[in-house]
């Protein structure tokens, strides 16, 4: 149940890689550059 001491937070982050990215695992023979990455997160915080 949601009440004043509990919080729900939804976030969406979107980023685009440049020519090459060492943080993105590319498929074998593929490229890691020029990709758009979407990250969705949902959190529920409870305070006692």
PDB file of N, CA and C in Angstrom:
ATOM      1  N   UNK A   1       0.841  -1.174   0.000  1.00  0.00           N
ATOM      2  CA  UNK A   1       0.000   0.000   0.000  1.00  0.00           C
ATOM      3  C   UNK A   1       0.895   1.249   0.000  1.00  0.00           C
ATOM      4  N   UNK A   2       0.546   2.218  -0.789  1.00  0.00           N
ATOM      5  CA  UNK A   2       1.311   3.460  -0.857  1.00  0.00           C
ATOM      6  C   UNK A   2       0.730   4.453   0.143  1.00  0.00           C
ATOM      7  N   UNK A   3       1.582   4.998   0.995  1.00  0.00           N
ATOM      8  CA  UNK A   3       1.168   6.020   1.948  1.00  0.00           C
ATOM      9  C   UNK A   3       2.250   7.089   2.014  1.00  0.00           C
ATOM     10  N   UNK A   4       2.134   8.122   2.841  1.00  0.00           N
ATOM     11  CA  UNK A   4       3.112   9.218   2.838  1.00  0.00           C
ATOM     12  C   UNK A   4       4.551   8.808   3.167  1.00  0.00           C
ATOM     13  N   UNK A   5       4.775   7.658   3.812  1.00  0.00           N
ATOM     14  CA  UNK A   5       6.145   7.255   4.134  1.00  0.00           C
ATOM     15  C   UNK A   5       6.751   6.342   3.070  1.00  0.00           C
ATOM     16  N   UNK A   6       5.959   5.885   2.115  1.00  0.00           N
ATOM     17  CA  UNK A   6       6.448   5.028   1.035  1.00  0.00           C
ATOM     18  C   UNK A   6       6.452   5.821  -0.269  1.00  0.00           C
ATOM     19  N   UNK A   7       7.418   5.504  -1.122  1.00  0.00           N
ATOM     20  CA  UNK A   7       7.520   6.240  -2.382  1.00  0.00           C
ATOM     21  C   UNK A   7       7.775   5.279  -3.539  1.00  0.00           C
ATOM     22  N   UNK A   8       7.174   5.582  -4.668  1.00  0.00           N
ATOM     23  CA  UNK A   8       7.413   4.850  -5.908  1.00  0.00           C
ATOM     24  C   UNK A   8       8.124   5.805  -6.855  1.00  0.00           C
ATOM     25  N   UNK A   9       9.190   5.322  -7.471  1.00  0.00           N
ATOM     26  CA  UNK A   9       9.937   6.165  -8.396  1.00  0.00           C
ATOM     27  C   UNK A   9      10.190   5.386  -9.681  1.00  0.00           C
ATOM     28  N   UNK A  10       9.872   5.995 -10.810  1.00  0.00           N
ATOM     29  CA  UNK A  10      10.145   5.412 -12.125  1.00  0.00           C
ATOM     30  C   UNK A  10      11.098   6.344 -12.858  1.00  0.00           C
ATOM     31  N   UNK A  11      12.095   5.744 -13.492  1.00  0.00           N
ATOM     32  CA  UNK A  11      13.080   6.539 -14.241  1.00  0.00           C
ATOM     33  C   UNK A  11      13.303   5.918 -15.617  1.00  0.00           C
ATOM     34  N   UNK A  12      13.595   6.787 -16.554  1.00  0.00           N
ATOM     35  CA  UNK A  12      13.947   6.366 -17.902  1.00  0.00           C
ATOM     36  C   UNK A  12      15.185   7.152 -18.299  1.00  0.00           C
ATOM     37  N   UNK A  13      16.239   6.443 -18.632  1.00  0.00           N
ATOM     38  CA  UNK A  13      17.476   7.077 -19.094  1.00  0.00           C
ATOM     39  C   UNK A  13      17.731   6.618 -20.530  1.00  0.00           C
ATOM     40  N   UNK A  14      18.118   7.544 -21.359  1.00  0.00           N
ATOM     41  CA  UNK A  14      18.395   7.234 -22.757  1.00  0.00           C
ATOM     42  C   UNK A  14      19.721   7.877 -23.133  1.00  0.00           C
ATOM     43  N   UNK A  15      20.578   7.106 -23.748  1.00  0.00           N
ATOM     44  CA  UNK A  15      21.874   7.633 -24.159  1.00  0.00           C
ATOM     45  C   UNK A  15      22.253   7.051 -25.518  1.00  0.00           C
ATOM     46  N   UNK A  16      23.154   7.718 -26.180  1.00  0.00           N
ATOM     47  CA  UNK A  16      23.631   7.262 -27.481  1.00  0.00           C
ATOM     48  C   UNK A  16      25.141   7.139 -27.425  1.00  0.00           C
ATOM     49  N   UNK A  17      25.668   6.033 -27.947  1.00  0.00           N
ATOM     50  CA  UNK A  17      27.121   5.856 -27.962  1.00  0.00           C
ATOM     51  C   UNK A  17      27.717   6.603 -29.149  1.00  0.00           C
ATOM     52  N   UNK A  18      28.973   6.927 -29.021  1.00  0.00           N
ATOM     53  CA  UNK A  18      29.679   7.620 -30.097  1.00  0.00           C
ATOM     54  C   UNK A  18      30.203   6.628 -31.124  1.00  0.00           C
ATOM     55  N   UNK A  19      31.409   6.868 -31.608  1.00  0.00           N
ATOM     56  CA  UNK A  19      32.004   5.988 -32.620  1.00  0.00           C
ATOM     57  C   UNK A  19      32.274   4.593 -32.076  1.00  0.00           C
ATOM     58  N   UNK A  20      32.673   4.505 -30.788  1.00  0.00           N
ATOM     59  CA  UNK A  20      32.978   3.222 -30.181  1.00  0.00           C
ATOM     60  C   UNK A  20      32.732   3.330 -28.684  1.00  0.00           C
ATOM     61  N   UNK A  21      32.267   2.258 -28.067  1.00  0.00           N
ATOM     62  CA  UNK A  21      32.041   2.261 -26.631  1.00  0.00           C
ATOM     63  C   UNK A  21      32.615   0.986 -26.027  1.00  0.00           C
ATOM     64  N   UNK A  22      33.431   1.139 -24.977  1.00  0.00           N
ATOM     65  CA  UNK A  22      33.973  -0.019 -24.276  1.00  0.00           C
ATOM     66  C   UNK A  22      32.993  -0.522 -23.222  1.00  0.00           C
ATOM     67  N   UNK A  23      31.904   0.222 -22.961  1.00  0.00           N
ATOM     68  CA  UNK A  23      30.926  -0.160 -21.947  1.00  0.00           C
ATOM     69  C   UNK A  23      29.769  -0.972 -22.519  1.00  0.00           C
ATOM     70  N   UNK A  24      29.733  -1.135 -23.836  1.00  0.00           N
ATOM     71  CA  UNK A  24      28.664  -1.878 -24.492  1.00  0.00           C
ATOM     72  C   UNK A  24      29.257  -3.143 -25.093  1.00  0.00           C
ATOM     73  N   UNK A  25      28.664  -4.285 -24.762  1.00  0.00           N
ATOM     74  CA  UNK A  25      29.111  -5.556 -25.340  1.00  0.00           C
ATOM     75  C   UNK A  25      28.510  -5.712 -26.722  1.00  0.00           C
ATOM     76  N   UNK A  26      29.361  -5.664 -27.718  1.00  0.00           N
ATOM     77  CA  UNK A  26      28.900  -5.815 -29.098  1.00  0.00           C
ATOM     78  C   UNK A  26      28.891  -7.300 -29.462  1.00  0.00           C
ATOM     79  N   UNK A  27      27.984  -7.708 -30.331  1.00  0.00           N
ATOM     80  CA  UNK A  27      27.999  -9.096 -30.789  1.00  0.00           C
ATOM     81  C   UNK A  27      29.273  -9.385 -31.579  1.00  0.00           C
ATOM     82  N   UNK A  28      29.610 -10.633 -31.701  1.00  0.00           N
ATOM     83  CA  UNK A  28      30.814 -11.021 -32.425  1.00  0.00           C
ATOM     84  C   UNK A  28      30.781 -10.455 -33.839  1.00  0.00           C
ATOM     85  N   UNK A  29      31.796  -9.685 -34.175  1.00  0.00           N
ATOM     86  CA  UNK A  29      31.876  -9.074 -35.493  1.00  0.00           C
ATOM     87  C   UNK A  29      31.029  -7.825 -35.645  1.00  0.00           C
ATOM     88  N   UNK A  30      30.317  -7.434 -34.574  1.00  0.00           N
ATOM     89  CA  UNK A  30      29.454  -6.254 -34.635  1.00  0.00           C
ATOM     90  C   UNK A  30      30.149  -5.022 -34.087  1.00  0.00           C
ATOM     91  N   UNK A  31      29.476  -3.918 -34.137  1.00  0.00           N
ATOM     92  CA  UNK A  31      30.012  -2.656 -33.651  1.00  0.00           C
ATOM     93  C   UNK A  31      29.291  -2.223 -32.379  1.00  0.00           C
ATOM     94  N   UNK A  32      30.009  -1.493 -31.534  1.00  0.00           N
ATOM     95  CA  UNK A  32      29.400  -0.965 -30.313  1.00  0.00           C
ATOM     96  C   UNK A  32      29.051   0.512 -30.460  1.00  0.00           C
ATOM     97  N   UNK A  33      29.439   1.108 -31.560  1.00  0.00           N
ATOM     98  CA  UNK A  33      29.200   2.531 -31.766  1.00  0.00           C
ATOM     99  C   UNK A  33      27.861   2.814 -32.416  1.00  0.00           C
ATOM    100  N   UNK A  34      27.438   4.058 -32.257  1.00  0.00           N
ATOM    101  CA  UNK A  34      26.211   4.558 -32.882  1.00  0.00           C
ATOM    102  C   UNK A  34      24.980   3.737 -32.478  1.00  0.00           C
ATOM    103  N   UNK A  35      24.881   3.434 -31.186  1.00  0.00           N
ATOM    104  CA  UNK A  35      23.736   2.703 -30.637  1.00  0.00           C
ATOM    105  C   UNK A  35      22.965   3.613 -29.694  1.00  0.00           C
ATOM    106  N   UNK A  36      21.656   3.427 -29.616  1.00  0.00           N
ATOM    107  CA  UNK A  36      20.817   4.124 -28.653  1.00  0.00           C
ATOM    108  C   UNK A  36      20.435   3.111 -27.579  1.00  0.00           C
ATOM    109  N   UNK A  37      20.690   3.461 -26.316  1.00  0.00           N
ATOM    110  CA  UNK A  37      20.436   2.551 -25.200  1.00  0.00           C
ATOM    111  C   UNK A  37      19.382   3.176 -24.294  1.00  0.00           C
ATOM    112  N   UNK A  38      18.335   2.406 -24.009  1.00  0.00           N
ATOM    113  CA  UNK A  38      17.278   2.821 -23.093  1.00  0.00           C
ATOM    114  C   UNK A  38      17.380   1.980 -21.831  1.00  0.00           C
ATOM    115  N   UNK A  39      17.317   2.633 -20.675  1.00  0.00           N
ATOM    116  CA  UNK A  39      17.333   1.941 -19.386  1.00  0.00           C
ATOM    117  C   UNK A  39      16.105   2.388 -18.611  1.00  0.00           C
ATOM    118  N   UNK A  40      15.279   1.431 -18.209  1.00  0.00           N
ATOM    119  CA  UNK A  40      14.094   1.710 -17.426  1.00  0.00           C
ATOM    120  C   UNK A  40      14.296   1.141 -16.027  1.00  0.00           C
ATOM    121  N   UNK A  41      13.919   1.891 -15.001  1.00  0.00           N
ATOM    122  CA  UNK A  41      14.006   1.380 -13.634  1.00  0.00           C
ATOM    123  C   UNK A  41      12.774   1.814 -12.850  1.00  0.00           C
ATOM    124  N   UNK A  42      12.383   0.965 -11.930  1.00  0.00           N
ATOM    125  CA  UNK A  42      11.243   1.217 -11.064  1.00  0.00           C
ATOM    126  C   UNK A  42      11.657   0.815  -9.661  1.00  0.00           C
ATOM    127  N   UNK A  43      11.485   1.725  -8.701  1.00  0.00           N
ATOM    128  CA  UNK A  43      11.862   1.412  -7.324  1.00  0.00           C
ATOM    129  C   UNK A  43      10.721   1.771  -6.386  1.00  0.00           C
ATOM    130  N   UNK A  44      10.665   1.037  -5.288  1.00  0.00           N
ATOM    131  CA  UNK A  44       9.654   1.239  -4.260  1.00  0.00           C
ATOM    132  C   UNK A  44      10.388   1.351  -2.933  1.00  0.00           C
ATOM    133  N   UNK A  45      10.310   2.502  -2.290  1.00  0.00           N
ATOM    134  CA  UNK A  45      11.034   2.758  -1.052  1.00  0.00           C
ATOM    135  C   UNK A  45      10.072   2.780   0.128  1.00  0.00           C
ATOM    136  N   UNK A  46      10.467   2.078   1.183  1.00  0.00           N
ATOM    137  CA  UNK A  46       9.660   1.987   2.393  1.00  0.00           C
ATOM    138  C   UNK A  46      10.455   2.561   3.543  1.00  0.00           C
ATOM    139  N   UNK A  47       9.819   3.409   4.350  1.00  0.00           N
ATOM    140  CA  UNK A  47      10.447   3.981   5.540  1.00  0.00           C
ATOM    141  C   UNK A  47       9.702   3.459   6.754  1.00  0.00           C
ATOM    142  N   UNK A  48      10.457   2.930   7.711  1.00  0.00           N
ATOM    143  CA  UNK A  48       9.846   2.405   8.935  1.00  0.00           C
ATOM    144  C   UNK A  48       9.982   3.395  10.055  1.00  0.00           C
TER     145      UNK A  48
END
